[in-house]
Amino acid sequence: MDKGFLRELVVAFQIIAENYSGEEQKVVRSIADGYYLEEALAADGPVKLAELEALRDARD
């Protein structure tokens, strides 16, 4: 996929999440995580991938 499109998609979920609160907001924010969109964006950067993995582990 085009990285520009993926970045816009990740940002869009964050913007949409602002319209919700509580559990609904968490669900909308987690959509990009569930599809590993950030990881797809960072696929060519091992440092960024490691950071994302650490963040994901911290959340779980």
C-alpha atoms as a PDB file:
ATOM      1  CA  MET A   1       0.000   0.000   0.000  1.00  0.00           C
ATOM      2  CA  ASP A   2       0.980   3.593  -0.515  1.00  0.00           C
ATOM      3  CA  LYS A   3       2.638   4.951   2.639  1.00  0.00           C
ATOM      4  CA  GLY A   4       1.016   8.372   2.215  1.00  0.00           C
ATOM      5  CA  PHE A   5      -2.408   6.756   2.199  1.00  0.00           C
ATOM      6  CA  LEU A   6      -1.572   4.630   5.231  1.00  0.00           C
ATOM      7  CA  ARG A   7      -0.392   7.704   7.152  1.00  0.00           C
ATOM      8  CA  GLU A   8      -3.635   9.532   6.306  1.00  0.00           C
ATOM      9  CA  LEU A   9      -5.623   6.510   7.451  1.00  0.00           C
ATOM     10  CA  VAL A  10      -3.814   6.327  10.793  1.00  0.00           C
ATOM     11  CA  VAL A  11      -4.351  10.056  11.353  1.00  0.00           C
ATOM     12  CA  ALA A  12      -8.011   9.786  10.326  1.00  0.00           C
ATOM     13  CA  PHE A  13      -8.710   7.188  13.022  1.00  0.00           C
ATOM     14  CA  GLN A  14      -7.183   9.508  15.622  1.00  0.00           C
ATOM     15  CA  ILE A  15      -9.326  12.422  14.432  1.00  0.00           C
ATOM     16  CA  ILE A  16     -12.485  10.312  14.355  1.00  0.00           C
ATOM     17  CA  ALA A  17     -11.749   9.011  17.864  1.00  0.00           C
ATOM     18  CA  GLU A  18     -11.915  12.573  19.189  1.00  0.00           C
ATOM     19  CA  ASN A  19     -15.664  12.504  18.480  1.00  0.00           C
ATOM     20  CA  TYR A  20     -16.140   9.717  21.010  1.00  0.00           C
ATOM     21  CA  SER A  21     -15.380   9.174  24.658  1.00  0.00           C
ATOM     22  CA  GLY A  22     -14.642   6.295  26.965  1.00  0.00           C
ATOM     23  CA  GLU A  23     -14.616   2.795  25.572  1.00  0.00           C
ATOM     24  CA  GLU A  24     -15.822   3.874  22.118  1.00  0.00           C
ATOM     25  CA  GLN A  25     -12.851   6.219  21.782  1.00  0.00           C
ATOM     26  CA  LYS A  26     -10.455   3.403  22.719  1.00  0.00           C
ATOM     27  CA  VAL A  27     -12.049   1.114  20.135  1.00  0.00           C
ATOM     28  CA  VAL A  28     -11.721   3.652  17.321  1.00  0.00           C
ATOM     29  CA  ARG A  29      -8.112   4.434  18.256  1.00  0.00           C
ATOM     30  CA  SER A  30      -7.271   0.736  18.315  1.00  0.00           C
ATOM     31  CA  ILE A  31      -8.454   0.113  14.743  1.00  0.00           C
ATOM     32  CA  ALA A  32      -5.131   1.230  13.262  1.00  0.00           C
ATOM     33  CA  ASP A  33      -3.305  -0.949  15.815  1.00  0.00           C
ATOM     34  CA  GLY A  34      -5.469  -3.950  15.030  1.00  0.00           C
ATOM     35  CA  TYR A  35      -4.508  -3.813  11.375  1.00  0.00           C
ATOM     36  CA  TYR A  36      -0.841  -3.041  12.162  1.00  0.00           C
ATOM     37  CA  LEU A  37      -0.942   0.108  10.012  1.00  0.00           C
ATOM     38  CA  GLU A  38       1.871   1.818  11.904  1.00  0.00           C
ATOM     39  CA  GLU A  39       4.017  -1.291  11.489  1.00  0.00           C
ATOM     40  CA  ALA A  40       3.369  -1.259   7.754  1.00  0.00           C
ATOM     41  CA  LEU A  41       4.548   2.353   7.656  1.00  0.00           C
ATOM     42  CA  ALA A  42       7.689   1.504   9.607  1.00  0.00           C
ATOM     43  CA  ALA A  43       8.508  -1.702   7.743  1.00  0.00           C
ATOM     44  CA  ASP A  44      11.790  -0.334   6.417  1.00  0.00           C
ATOM     45  CA  GLY A  45      12.917   1.076   9.776  1.00  0.00           C
ATOM     46  CA  PRO A  46      13.973  -1.517  12.342  1.00  0.00           C
ATOM     47  CA  VAL A  47      14.299   1.088  15.116  1.00  0.00           C
ATOM     48  CA  LYS A  48      10.765   2.366  14.552  1.00  0.00           C
ATOM     49  CA  LEU A  49       9.455  -1.205  14.423  1.00  0.00           C
ATOM     50  CA  ALA A  50      11.119  -1.945  17.767  1.00  0.00           C
ATOM     51  CA  GLU A  51       9.567   1.216  19.265  1.00  0.00           C
ATOM     52  CA  LEU A  52       6.119   0.225  18.018  1.00  0.00           C
ATOM     53  CA  GLU A  53       6.526  -3.278  19.396  1.00  0.00           C
ATOM     54  CA  ALA A  54       7.528  -1.879  22.803  1.00  0.00           C
ATOM     55  CA  LEU A  55       4.515   0.436  22.816  1.00  0.00           C
ATOM     56  CA  ARG A  56       2.193  -2.414  21.856  1.00  0.00           C
ATOM     57  CA  ASP A  57       3.647  -4.640  24.591  1.00  0.00           C
ATOM     58  CA  ALA A  58       3.235  -1.853  27.154  1.00  0.00           C
ATOM     59  CA  ARG A  59      -0.451  -1.490  26.242  1.00  0.00           C
ATOM     60  CA  ASP A  60      -1.124  -5.221  26.491  1.00  0.00           C
END
